[in-house]
Every structure is written in structure tokens, then in C-alpha cells.
Amino acid sequence: PPPTMEPRTLGQLVSDSWDLYVAALPQVAAVVAWGAVPAGVITA
């Protein structure tokens, strides 16, 4: 179950986002590549 949206201060937002994306970077990169690479090939 994903977390619900909650208000964050700017400092919390930057810190939480950095921690999450650094931790999830390999998965994020792989997921984005599955869509972005075919999109680039089709555009070319």
C-alpha cells in the first residue's frame, strides 16, 4: 500500500526525495529505460 500524500516543508521534501530516489535509483533507471528507449527508437 503506497503512502498517502502528506504536506512537507521544503527541507523535508528535498531530504525525503533525495533519500528515496538514491535508494530506488537502479529500479527507477530500469523502469524509465523500458519506456524511454523504445520511445527514442521510434522517434529516430
PDB file of all heavy atoms in Angstrom:
ATOM      1  N   PRO A   1       0.836  -1.194   0.000  1.00  0.00           N
ATOM      2  CA  PRO A   1       0.000   0.000   0.000  1.00  0.00           C
ATOM      3  C   PRO A   1       0.872   1.245   0.000  1.00  0.00           C
ATOM      4  O   PRO A   1       1.742   1.387   0.866  1.00  0.00           O
ATOM      5  CB  PRO A   1      -0.790  -0.124   1.315  1.00  0.00           C
ATOM      6  CG  PRO A   1       0.017  -1.043   2.166  1.00  0.00           C
ATOM      7  CD  PRO A   1       0.701  -1.981   1.226  1.00  0.00           C
ATOM      8  N   PRO A   2       0.711   2.131  -0.990  1.00  0.00           N
ATOM      9  CA  PRO A   2       1.587   3.290  -1.070  1.00  0.00           C
ATOM     10  C   PRO A   2       1.258   4.297   0.018  1.00  0.00           C
ATOM     11  O   PRO A   2       0.155   4.314   0.557  1.00  0.00           O
ATOM     12  CB  PRO A   2       1.275   3.865  -2.457  1.00  0.00           C
ATOM     13  CG  PRO A   2      -0.128   3.443  -2.721  1.00  0.00           C
ATOM     14  CD  PRO A   2      -0.276   2.096  -2.068  1.00  0.00           C
ATOM     15  N   PRO A   3       2.217   5.143   0.372  1.00  0.00           N
ATOM     16  CA  PRO A   3       1.943   6.165   1.375  1.00  0.00           C
ATOM     17  C   PRO A   3       0.963   7.185   0.842  1.00  0.00           C
ATOM     18  O   PRO A   3       0.938   7.473  -0.347  1.00  0.00           O
ATOM     19  CB  PRO A   3       3.333   6.796   1.608  1.00  0.00           C
ATOM     20  CG  PRO A   3       4.080   6.543   0.337  1.00  0.00           C
ATOM     21  CD  PRO A   3       3.577   5.221  -0.176  1.00  0.00           C
ATOM     22  N   THR A   4       0.131   7.719   1.722  1.00  0.00           N
ATOM     23  CA  THR A   4      -0.783   8.774   1.305  1.00  0.00           C
ATOM     24  C   THR A   4      -0.024  10.086   1.190  1.00  0.00           C
ATOM     25  O   THR A   4       1.054  10.261   1.743  1.00  0.00           O
ATOM     26  CB  THR A   4      -1.918   8.943   2.326  1.00  0.00           C
ATOM     27  OG1 THR A   4      -1.344   9.202   3.604  1.00  0.00           O
ATOM     28  CG2 THR A   4      -2.769   7.677   2.393  1.00  0.00           C
ATOM     29  N   MET A   5      -0.607  11.012   0.431  1.00  0.00           N
ATOM     30  CA  MET A   5       0.007  12.319   0.283  1.00  0.00           C
ATOM     31  C   MET A   5      -0.092  13.074   1.606  1.00  0.00           C
ATOM     32  O   MET A   5      -1.150  13.140   2.211  1.00  0.00           O
ATOM     33  CB  MET A   5      -0.680  13.113  -0.826  1.00  0.00           C
ATOM     34  CG  MET A   5      -0.533  12.517  -2.208  1.00  0.00           C
ATOM     35  SD  MET A   5      -1.133  13.606  -3.505  1.00  0.00           S
ATOM     36  CE  MET A   5      -2.879  13.718  -3.116  1.00  0.00           C
ATOM     37  N   GLU A   6       1.027  13.634   2.023  1.00  0.00           N
ATOM     38  CA  GLU A   6       1.070  14.428   3.245  1.00  0.00           C
ATOM     39  C   GLU A   6       1.878  15.689   2.972  1.00  0.00           C
ATOM     40  O   GLU A   6       2.811  15.670   2.170  1.00  0.00           O
ATOM     41  CB  GLU A   6       1.723  13.640   4.393  1.00  0.00           C
ATOM     42  CG  GLU A   6       0.951  12.394   4.812  1.00  0.00           C
ATOM     43  CD  GLU A   6       1.659  11.631   5.915  1.00  0.00           C
ATOM     44  OE1 GLU A   6       2.756  12.084   6.316  1.00  0.00           O
ATOM     45  OE2 GLU A   6       1.127  10.611   6.351  1.00  0.00           O
ATOM     46  N   PRO A   7       1.524  16.794   3.642  1.00  0.00           N
ATOM     47  CA  PRO A   7       2.278  18.032   3.421  1.00  0.00           C
ATOM     48  C   PRO A   7       3.695  17.917   3.934  1.00  0.00           C
ATOM     49  O   PRO A   7       3.952  17.273   4.956  1.00  0.00           O
ATOM     50  CB  PRO A   7       1.472  19.082   4.197  1.00  0.00           C
ATOM     51  CG  PRO A   7       0.760  18.296   5.249  1.00  0.00           C
ATOM     52  CD  PRO A   7       0.432  16.972   4.618  1.00  0.00           C
ATOM     53  N   ARG A   8       4.625  18.507   3.220  1.00  0.00           N
ATOM     54  CA  ARG A   8       6.028  18.525   3.625  1.00  0.00           C
ATOM     55  C   ARG A   8       6.544  19.956   3.531  1.00  0.00           C
ATOM     56  O   ARG A   8       6.138  20.721   2.661  1.00  0.00           O
ATOM     57  CB  ARG A   8       6.887  17.653   2.692  1.00  0.00           C
ATOM     58  CG  ARG A   8       6.584  16.165   2.727  1.00  0.00           C
ATOM     59  CD  ARG A   8       7.180  15.513   3.968  1.00  0.00           C
ATOM     60  NE  ARG A   8       7.272  14.077   3.836  1.00  0.00           N
ATOM     61  CZ  ARG A   8       6.267  13.239   4.063  1.00  0.00           C
ATOM     62  NH1 ARG A   8       5.085  13.708   4.421  1.00  0.00           N
ATOM     63  NH2 ARG A   8       6.424  11.947   3.945  1.00  0.00           N
ATOM     64  N   THR A   9       7.462  20.291   4.423  1.00  0.00           N
ATOM     65  CA  THR A   9       8.184  21.539   4.247  1.00  0.00           C
ATOM     66  C   THR A   9       9.204  21.349   3.125  1.00  0.00           C
ATOM     67  O   THR A   9       9.478  20.211   2.701  1.00  0.00           O
ATOM     68  CB  THR A   9       8.908  21.939   5.534  1.00  0.00           C
ATOM     69  OG1 THR A   9       9.912  20.939   5.819  1.00  0.00           O
ATOM     70  CG2 THR A   9       7.935  22.033   6.708  1.00  0.00           C
ATOM     71  N   LEU A  10       9.784  22.449   2.655  1.00  0.00           N
ATOM     72  CA  LEU A  10      10.756  22.346   1.573  1.00  0.00           C
ATOM     73  C   LEU A  10      11.949  21.490   1.988  1.00  0.00           C
ATOM     74  O   LEU A  10      12.422  20.646   1.223  1.00  0.00           O
ATOM     75  CB  LEU A  10      11.220  23.746   1.155  1.00  0.00           C
ATOM     76  CG  LEU A  10      12.273  23.798   0.039  1.00  0.00           C
ATOM     77  CD1 LEU A  10      11.744  23.114  -1.214  1.00  0.00           C
ATOM     78  CD2 LEU A  10      12.656  25.241  -0.249  1.00  0.00           C
ATOM     79  N   GLY A  11      12.423  21.681   3.219  1.00  0.00           N
ATOM     80  CA  GLY A  11      13.553  20.884   3.684  1.00  0.00           C
ATOM     81  C   GLY A  11      13.224  19.405   3.748  1.00  0.00           C
ATOM     82  O   GLY A  11      14.033  18.566   3.342  1.00  0.00           O
ATOM     83  N   GLN A  12      12.032  19.071   4.243  1.00  0.00           N
ATOM     84  CA  GLN A  12      11.620  17.668   4.295  1.00  0.00           C
ATOM     85  C   GLN A  12      11.470  17.096   2.886  1.00  0.00           C
ATOM     86  O   GLN A  12      11.863  15.946   2.622  1.00  0.00           O
ATOM     87  CB  GLN A  12      10.299  17.550   5.039  1.00  0.00           C
ATOM     88  CG  GLN A  12      10.381  17.809   6.530  1.00  0.00           C
ATOM     89  CD  GLN A  12       9.013  17.873   7.176  1.00  0.00           C
ATOM     90  OE1 GLN A  12       8.037  18.302   6.563  1.00  0.00           O
ATOM     91  NE2 GLN A  12       8.932  17.434   8.418  1.00  0.00           N
ATOM     92  N   LEU A  13      10.908  17.889   1.988  1.00  0.00           N
ATOM     93  CA  LEU A  13      10.694  17.422   0.620  1.00  0.00           C
ATOM     94  C   LEU A  13      12.008  17.085  -0.059  1.00  0.00           C
ATOM     95  O   LEU A  13      12.168  16.017  -0.658  1.00  0.00           O
ATOM     96  CB  LEU A  13       9.946  18.497  -0.185  1.00  0.00           C
ATOM     97  CG  LEU A  13       9.672  18.175  -1.654  1.00  0.00           C
ATOM     98  CD1 LEU A  13       8.628  17.075  -1.753  1.00  0.00           C
ATOM     99  CD2 LEU A  13       9.213  19.410  -2.402  1.00  0.00           C
ATOM    100  N   VAL A  14      12.969  17.991   0.039  1.00  0.00           N
ATOM    101  CA  VAL A  14      14.268  17.762  -0.603  1.00  0.00           C
ATOM    102  C   VAL A  14      14.965  16.559   0.018  1.00  0.00           C
ATOM    103  O   VAL A  14      15.482  15.681  -0.688  1.00  0.00           O
ATOM    104  CB  VAL A  14      15.146  19.025  -0.494  1.00  0.00           C
ATOM    105  CG1 VAL A  14      16.555  18.731  -1.010  1.00  0.00           C
ATOM    106  CG2 VAL A  14      14.526  20.175  -1.276  1.00  0.00           C
ATOM    107  N   SER A  15      14.966  16.491   1.348  1.00  0.00           N
ATOM    108  CA  SER A  15      15.652  15.395   2.036  1.00  0.00           C
ATOM    109  C   SER A  15      14.994  14.045   1.735  1.00  0.00           C
ATOM    110  O   SER A  15      15.679  13.072   1.376  1.00  0.00           O
ATOM    111  CB  SER A  15      15.638  15.651   3.544  1.00  0.00           C
ATOM    112  OG  SER A  15      16.210  14.564   4.248  1.00  0.00           O
ATOM    113  N   ASP A  16      13.654  13.984   1.845  1.00  0.00           N
ATOM    114  CA  ASP A  16      12.955  12.724   1.602  1.00  0.00           C
ATOM    115  C   ASP A  16      13.094  12.281   0.152  1.00  0.00           C
ATOM    116  O   ASP A  16      13.284  11.101  -0.143  1.00  0.00           O
ATOM    117  CB  ASP A  16      11.469  12.866   1.953  1.00  0.00           C
ATOM    118  CG  ASP A  16      11.236  13.038   3.451  1.00  0.00           C
ATOM    119  OD1 ASP A  16      12.201  12.860   4.216  1.00  0.00           O
ATOM    120  OD2 ASP A  16      10.102  13.361   3.843  1.00  0.00           O
ATOM    121  N   SER A  17      12.972  13.244  -0.773  1.00  0.00           N
ATOM    122  CA  SER A  17      13.082  12.909  -2.196  1.00  0.00           C
ATOM    123  C   SER A  17      14.472  12.384  -2.520  1.00  0.00           C
ATOM    124  O   SER A  17      14.628  11.400  -3.250  1.00  0.00           O
ATOM    125  CB  SER A  17      12.770  14.138  -3.058  1.00  0.00           C
ATOM    126  OG  SER A  17      11.457  14.582  -2.841  1.00  0.00           O
ATOM    127  N   TRP A  18      15.477  13.043  -1.976  1.00  0.00           N
ATOM    128  CA  TRP A  18      16.858  12.609  -2.235  1.00  0.00           C
ATOM    129  C   TRP A  18      17.078  11.185  -1.726  1.00  0.00           C
ATOM    130  O   TRP A  18      17.609  10.340  -2.442  1.00  0.00           O
ATOM    131  CB  TRP A  18      17.832  13.572  -1.564  1.00  0.00           C
ATOM    132  CG  TRP A  18      19.269  13.163  -1.708  1.00  0.00           C
ATOM    133  CD1 TRP A  18      20.038  12.481  -0.809  1.00  0.00           C
ATOM    134  CD2 TRP A  18      20.106  13.388  -2.849  1.00  0.00           C
ATOM    135  NE1 TRP A  18      21.300  12.272  -1.297  1.00  0.00           N
ATOM    136  CE2 TRP A  18      21.380  12.819  -2.545  1.00  0.00           C
ATOM    137  CE3 TRP A  18      19.925  14.020  -4.078  1.00  0.00           C
ATOM    138  CZ2 TRP A  18      22.441  12.864  -3.440  1.00  0.00           C
ATOM    139  CZ3 TRP A  18      20.996  14.065  -4.973  1.00  0.00           C
ATOM    140  CH2 TRP A  18      22.223  13.492  -4.643  1.00  0.00           C
ATOM    141  N   ASP A  19      16.662  10.934  -0.495  1.00  0.00           N
ATOM    142  CA  ASP A  19      16.854   9.599   0.080  1.00  0.00           C
ATOM    143  C   ASP A  19      16.121   8.529  -0.725  1.00  0.00           C
ATOM    144  O   ASP A  19      16.669   7.458  -1.000  1.00  0.00           O
ATOM    145  CB  ASP A  19      16.359   9.580   1.531  1.00  0.00           C
ATOM    146  CG  ASP A  19      17.235  10.418   2.456  1.00  0.00           C
ATOM    147  OD1 ASP A  19      18.382  10.723   2.073  1.00  0.00           O
ATOM    148  OD2 ASP A  19      16.762  10.772   3.552  1.00  0.00           O
ATOM    149  N   LEU A  20      14.869   8.823  -1.104  1.00  0.00           N
ATOM    150  CA  LEU A  20      14.079   7.847  -1.848  1.00  0.00           C
ATOM    151  C   LEU A  20      14.673   7.565  -3.215  1.00  0.00           C
ATOM    152  O   LEU A  20      14.804   6.411  -3.632  1.00  0.00           O
ATOM    153  CB  LEU A  20      12.646   8.342  -2.002  1.00  0.00           C
ATOM    154  CG  LEU A  20      11.685   8.054  -0.850  1.00  0.00           C
ATOM    155  CD1 LEU A  20      10.341   8.720  -1.104  1.00  0.00           C
ATOM    156  CD2 LEU A  20      11.504   6.555  -0.656  1.00  0.00           C
ATOM    157  N   TYR A  21      15.028   8.622  -3.935  1.00  0.00           N
ATOM    158  CA  TYR A  21      15.495   8.408  -5.305  1.00  0.00           C
ATOM    159  C   TYR A  21      16.887   7.814  -5.346  1.00  0.00           C
ATOM    160  O   TYR A  21      17.208   7.060  -6.267  1.00  0.00           O
ATOM    161  CB  TYR A  21      15.421   9.719  -6.103  1.00  0.00           C
ATOM    162  CG  TYR A  21      14.042   9.952  -6.660  1.00  0.00           C
ATOM    163  CD1 TYR A  21      13.106  10.695  -5.965  1.00  0.00           C
ATOM    164  CD2 TYR A  21      13.662   9.391  -7.867  1.00  0.00           C
ATOM    165  CE1 TYR A  21      11.833  10.884  -6.461  1.00  0.00           C
ATOM    166  CE2 TYR A  21      12.391   9.570  -8.374  1.00  0.00           C
ATOM    167  CZ  TYR A  21      11.481  10.328  -7.666  1.00  0.00           C
ATOM    168  OH  TYR A  21      10.216  10.506  -8.160  1.00  0.00           O
ATOM    169  N   VAL A  22      17.723   8.129  -4.370  1.00  0.00           N
ATOM    170  CA  VAL A  22      19.035   7.476  -4.317  1.00  0.00           C
ATOM    171  C   VAL A  22      18.856   5.987  -4.039  1.00  0.00           C
ATOM    172  O   VAL A  22      19.484   5.133  -4.676  1.00  0.00           O
ATOM    173  CB  VAL A  22      19.919   8.138  -3.242  1.00  0.00           C
ATOM    174  CG1 VAL A  22      21.143   7.279  -2.951  1.00  0.00           C
ATOM    175  CG2 VAL A  22      20.352   9.519  -3.696  1.00  0.00           C
ATOM    176  N   ALA A  23      17.969   5.663  -3.093  1.00  0.00           N
ATOM    177  CA  ALA A  23      17.740   4.261  -2.751  1.00  0.00           C
ATOM    178  C   ALA A  23      17.113   3.489  -3.904  1.00  0.00           C
ATOM    179  O   ALA A  23      17.401   2.314  -4.121  1.00  0.00           O
ATOM    180  CB  ALA A  23      16.853   4.161  -1.509  1.00  0.00           C
ATOM    181  N   ALA A  24      16.219   4.163  -4.645  1.00  0.00           N
ATOM    182  CA  ALA A  24      15.475   3.480  -5.714  1.00  0.00           C
ATOM    183  C   ALA A  24      16.071   3.714  -7.093  1.00  0.00           C
ATOM    184  O   ALA A  24      15.460   3.314  -8.090  1.00  0.00           O
ATOM    185  CB  ALA A  24      14.017   3.947  -5.694  1.00  0.00           C
ATOM    186  N   LEU A  25      17.243   4.349  -7.169  1.00  0.00           N
ATOM    187  CA  LEU A  25      17.796   4.744  -8.468  1.00  0.00           C
ATOM    188  C   LEU A  25      17.927   3.592  -9.466  1.00  0.00           C
ATOM    189  O   LEU A  25      17.548   3.740 -10.638  1.00  0.00           O
ATOM    190  CB  LEU A  25      19.137   5.442  -8.280  1.00  0.00           C
ATOM    191  CG  LEU A  25      19.776   6.014  -9.552  1.00  0.00           C
ATOM    192  CD1 LEU A  25      18.849   7.032 -10.209  1.00  0.00           C
ATOM    193  CD2 LEU A  25      21.123   6.667  -9.229  1.00  0.00           C
ATOM    194  N   PRO A  26      18.460   2.426  -9.078  1.00  0.00           N
ATOM    195  CA  PRO A  26      18.559   1.341 -10.080  1.00  0.00           C
ATOM    196  C   PRO A  26      17.201   0.932 -10.635  1.00  0.00           C
ATOM    197  O   PRO A  26      17.053   0.731 -11.846  1.00  0.00           O
ATOM    198  CB  PRO A  26      19.204   0.196  -9.279  1.00  0.00           C
ATOM    199  CG  PRO A  26      19.916   0.856  -8.160  1.00  0.00           C
ATOM    200  CD  PRO A  26      19.075   2.031  -7.788  1.00  0.00           C
ATOM    201  N   GLN A  27      16.191   0.818  -9.758  1.00  0.00           N
ATOM    202  CA  GLN A  27      14.851   0.442 -10.227  1.00  0.00           C
ATOM    203  C   GLN A  27      14.237   1.543 -11.085  1.00  0.00           C
ATOM    204  O   GLN A  27      13.611   1.274 -12.106  1.00  0.00           O
ATOM    205  CB  GLN A  27      13.941   0.125  -9.046  1.00  0.00           C
ATOM    206  CG  GLN A  27      14.277  -1.153  -8.311  1.00  0.00           C
ATOM    207  CD  GLN A  27      15.290  -0.936  -7.213  1.00  0.00           C
ATOM    208  OE1 GLN A  27      15.843   0.141  -7.058  1.00  0.00           O
ATOM    209  NE2 GLN A  27      15.535  -1.980  -6.437  1.00  0.00           N
ATOM    210  N   VAL A  28      14.410   2.812 -10.658  1.00  0.00           N
ATOM    211  CA  VAL A  28      13.868   3.930 -11.431  1.00  0.00           C
ATOM    212  C   VAL A  28      14.496   3.973 -12.817  1.00  0.00           C
ATOM    213  O   VAL A  28      13.802   4.134 -13.830  1.00  0.00           O
ATOM    214  CB  VAL A  28      14.091   5.264 -10.686  1.00  0.00           C
ATOM    215  CG1 VAL A  28      13.779   6.455 -11.595  1.00  0.00           C
ATOM    216  CG2 VAL A  28      13.216   5.335  -9.444  1.00  0.00           C
ATOM    217  N   ALA A  29      15.825   3.823 -12.879  1.00  0.00           N
ATOM    218  CA  ALA A  29      16.514   3.865 -14.170  1.00  0.00           C
ATOM    219  C   ALA A  29      16.034   2.742 -15.091  1.00  0.00           C
ATOM    220  O   ALA A  29      15.799   2.954 -16.291  1.00  0.00           O
ATOM    221  CB  ALA A  29      18.025   3.767 -13.957  1.00  0.00           C
ATOM    222  N   ALA A  30      15.866   1.543 -14.535  1.00  0.00           N
ATOM    223  CA  ALA A  30      15.407   0.416 -15.354  1.00  0.00           C
ATOM    224  C   ALA A  30      13.986   0.631 -15.852  1.00  0.00           C
ATOM    225  O   ALA A  30      13.679   0.387 -17.028  1.00  0.00           O
ATOM    226  CB  ALA A  30      15.491  -0.877 -14.536  1.00  0.00           C
ATOM    227  N   VAL A  31      13.108   1.106 -14.965  1.00  0.00           N
ATOM    228  CA  VAL A  31      11.711   1.321 -15.343  1.00  0.00           C
ATOM    229  C   VAL A  31      11.601   2.388 -16.418  1.00  0.00           C
ATOM    230  O   VAL A  31      10.868   2.232 -17.405  1.00  0.00           O
ATOM    231  CB  VAL A  31      10.878   1.705 -14.099  1.00  0.00           C
ATOM    232  CG1 VAL A  31       9.558   2.319 -14.495  1.00  0.00           C
ATOM    233  CG2 VAL A  31      10.637   0.476 -13.239  1.00  0.00           C
ATOM    234  N   VAL A  32      12.314   3.494 -16.230  1.00  0.00           N
ATOM    235  CA  VAL A  32      12.263   4.568 -17.221  1.00  0.00           C
ATOM    236  C   VAL A  32      12.831   4.099 -18.560  1.00  0.00           C
ATOM    237  O   VAL A  32      12.304   4.424 -19.627  1.00  0.00           O
ATOM    238  CB  VAL A  32      13.018   5.806 -16.705  1.00  0.00           C
ATOM    239  CG1 VAL A  32      13.179   6.857 -17.809  1.00  0.00           C
ATOM    240  CG2 VAL A  32      12.274   6.415 -15.519  1.00  0.00           C
ATOM    241  N   ALA A  33      13.895   3.318 -18.506  1.00  0.00           N
ATOM    242  CA  ALA A  33      14.510   2.836 -19.748  1.00  0.00           C
ATOM    243  C   ALA A  33      13.555   1.981 -20.562  1.00  0.00           C
ATOM    244  O   ALA A  33      13.547   2.052 -21.803  1.00  0.00           O
ATOM    245  CB  ALA A  33      15.779   2.043 -19.426  1.00  0.00           C
ATOM    246  N   TRP A  34      12.711   1.170 -19.890  1.00  0.00           N
ATOM    247  CA  TRP A  34      11.764   0.317 -20.615  1.00  0.00           C
ATOM    248  C   TRP A  34      10.793   1.129 -21.459  1.00  0.00           C
ATOM    249  O   TRP A  34      10.267   0.641 -22.453  1.00  0.00           O
ATOM    250  CB  TRP A  34      10.998  -0.564 -19.639  1.00  0.00           C
ATOM    251  CG  TRP A  34      11.721  -1.818 -19.274  1.00  0.00           C
ATOM    252  CD1 TRP A  34      12.433  -2.058 -18.140  1.00  0.00           C
ATOM    253  CD2 TRP A  34      11.823  -3.015 -20.052  1.00  0.00           C
ATOM    254  NE1 TRP A  34      12.966  -3.327 -18.157  1.00  0.00           N
ATOM    255  CE2 TRP A  34      12.606  -3.938 -19.329  1.00  0.00           C
ATOM    256  CE3 TRP A  34      11.327  -3.380 -21.302  1.00  0.00           C
ATOM    257  CZ2 TRP A  34      12.909  -5.202 -19.817  1.00  0.00           C
ATOM    258  CZ3 TRP A  34      11.626  -4.659 -21.776  1.00  0.00           C
ATOM    259  CH2 TRP A  34      12.403  -5.547 -21.033  1.00  0.00           C
ATOM    260  N   GLY A  35      10.527   2.364 -21.069  1.00  0.00           N
ATOM    261  CA  GLY A  35       9.654   3.212 -21.879  1.00  0.00           C
ATOM    262  C   GLY A  35      10.417   4.189 -22.739  1.00  0.00           C
ATOM    263  O   GLY A  35      10.067   4.436 -23.897  1.00  0.00           O
ATOM    264  N   ALA A  36      11.485   4.780 -22.172  1.00  0.00           N
ATOM    265  CA  ALA A  36      12.199   5.842 -22.870  1.00  0.00           C
ATOM    266  C   ALA A  36      13.018   5.327 -24.052  1.00  0.00           C
ATOM    267  O   ALA A  36      13.099   5.993 -25.095  1.00  0.00           O
ATOM    268  CB  ALA A  36      13.113   6.579 -21.888  1.00  0.00           C
ATOM    269  N   VAL A  37      13.631   4.148 -23.907  1.00  0.00           N
ATOM    270  CA  VAL A  37      14.452   3.625 -25.005  1.00  0.00           C
ATOM    271  C   VAL A  37      13.600   3.304 -26.236  1.00  0.00           C
ATOM    272  O   VAL A  37      13.918   3.748 -27.350  1.00  0.00           O
ATOM    273  CB  VAL A  37      15.266   2.399 -24.540  1.00  0.00           C
ATOM    274  CG1 VAL A  37      15.944   1.720 -25.735  1.00  0.00           C
ATOM    275  CG2 VAL A  37      16.311   2.826 -23.515  1.00  0.00           C
ATOM    276  N   PRO A  38      12.487   2.550 -26.109  1.00  0.00           N
ATOM    277  CA  PRO A  38      11.634   2.354 -27.286  1.00  0.00           C
ATOM    278  C   PRO A  38      11.089   3.671 -27.854  1.00  0.00           C
ATOM    279  O   PRO A  38      10.970   3.815 -29.076  1.00  0.00           O
ATOM    280  CB  PRO A  38      10.483   1.481 -26.757  1.00  0.00           C
ATOM    281  CG  PRO A  38      11.053   0.796 -25.572  1.00  0.00           C
ATOM    282  CD  PRO A  38      11.998   1.775 -24.956  1.00  0.00           C
ATOM    283  N   ALA A  39      10.793   4.632 -26.968  1.00  0.00           N
ATOM    284  CA  ALA A  39      10.309   5.928 -27.451  1.00  0.00           C
ATOM    285  C   ALA A  39      11.371   6.613 -28.301  1.00  0.00           C
ATOM    286  O   ALA A  39      11.067   7.186 -29.358  1.00  0.00           O
ATOM    287  CB  ALA A  39       9.920   6.813 -26.273  1.00  0.00           C
ATOM    288  N   GLY A  40      12.626   6.549 -27.844  1.00  0.00           N
ATOM    289  CA  GLY A  40      13.707   7.144 -28.625  1.00  0.00           C
ATOM    290  C   GLY A  40      13.923   6.447 -29.953  1.00  0.00           C
ATOM    291  O   GLY A  40      14.165   7.095 -30.982  1.00  0.00           O
ATOM    292  N   VAL A  41      13.825   5.116 -29.951  1.00  0.00           N
ATOM    293  CA  VAL A  41      13.981   4.357 -31.194  1.00  0.00           C
ATOM    294  C   VAL A  41      12.872   4.707 -32.180  1.00  0.00           C
ATOM    295  O   VAL A  41      13.111   4.917 -33.383  1.00  0.00           O
ATOM    296  CB  VAL A  41      13.982   2.842 -30.899  1.00  0.00           C
ATOM    297  CG1 VAL A  41      13.923   2.038 -32.193  1.00  0.00           C
ATOM    298  CG2 VAL A  41      15.224   2.466 -30.094  1.00  0.00           C
ATOM    299  N   ILE A  42      11.639   4.800 -31.692  1.00  0.00           N
ATOM    300  CA  ILE A  42      10.512   5.128 -32.559  1.00  0.00           C
ATOM    301  C   ILE A  42      10.657   6.543 -33.116  1.00  0.00           C
ATOM    302  O   ILE A  42      10.369   6.801 -34.295  1.00  0.00           O
ATOM    303  CB  ILE A  42       9.187   4.977 -31.788  1.00  0.00           C
ATOM    304  CG1 ILE A  42       8.922   3.501 -31.508  1.00  0.00           C
ATOM    305  CG2 ILE A  42       8.017   5.581 -32.569  1.00  0.00           C
ATOM    306  CD1 ILE A  42       7.742   3.256 -30.600  1.00  0.00           C
ATOM    307  N   THR A  43      11.112   7.473 -32.278  1.00  0.00           N
ATOM    308  CA  THR A  43      11.315   8.850 -32.746  1.00  0.00           C
ATOM    309  C   THR A  43      12.373   8.900 -33.841  1.00  0.00           C
ATOM    310  O   THR A  43      12.192   9.565 -34.875  1.00  0.00           O
ATOM    311  CB  THR A  43      11.735   9.744 -31.573  1.00  0.00           C
ATOM    312  OG1 THR A  43      10.696   9.740 -30.586  1.00  0.00           O
ATOM    313  CG2 THR A  43      11.974  11.171 -32.037  1.00  0.00           C
ATOM    314  N   ALA A  44      13.486   8.188 -33.634  1.00  0.00           N
ATOM    315  CA  ALA A  44      14.547   8.159 -34.647  1.00  0.00           C
ATOM    316  C   ALA A  44      14.055   7.501 -35.934  1.00  0.00           C
ATOM    317  O   ALA A  44      14.362   7.964 -37.044  1.00  0.00           O
ATOM    318  CB  ALA A  44      15.767   7.419 -34.102  1.00  0.00           C
TER     319      ALA A  44
END
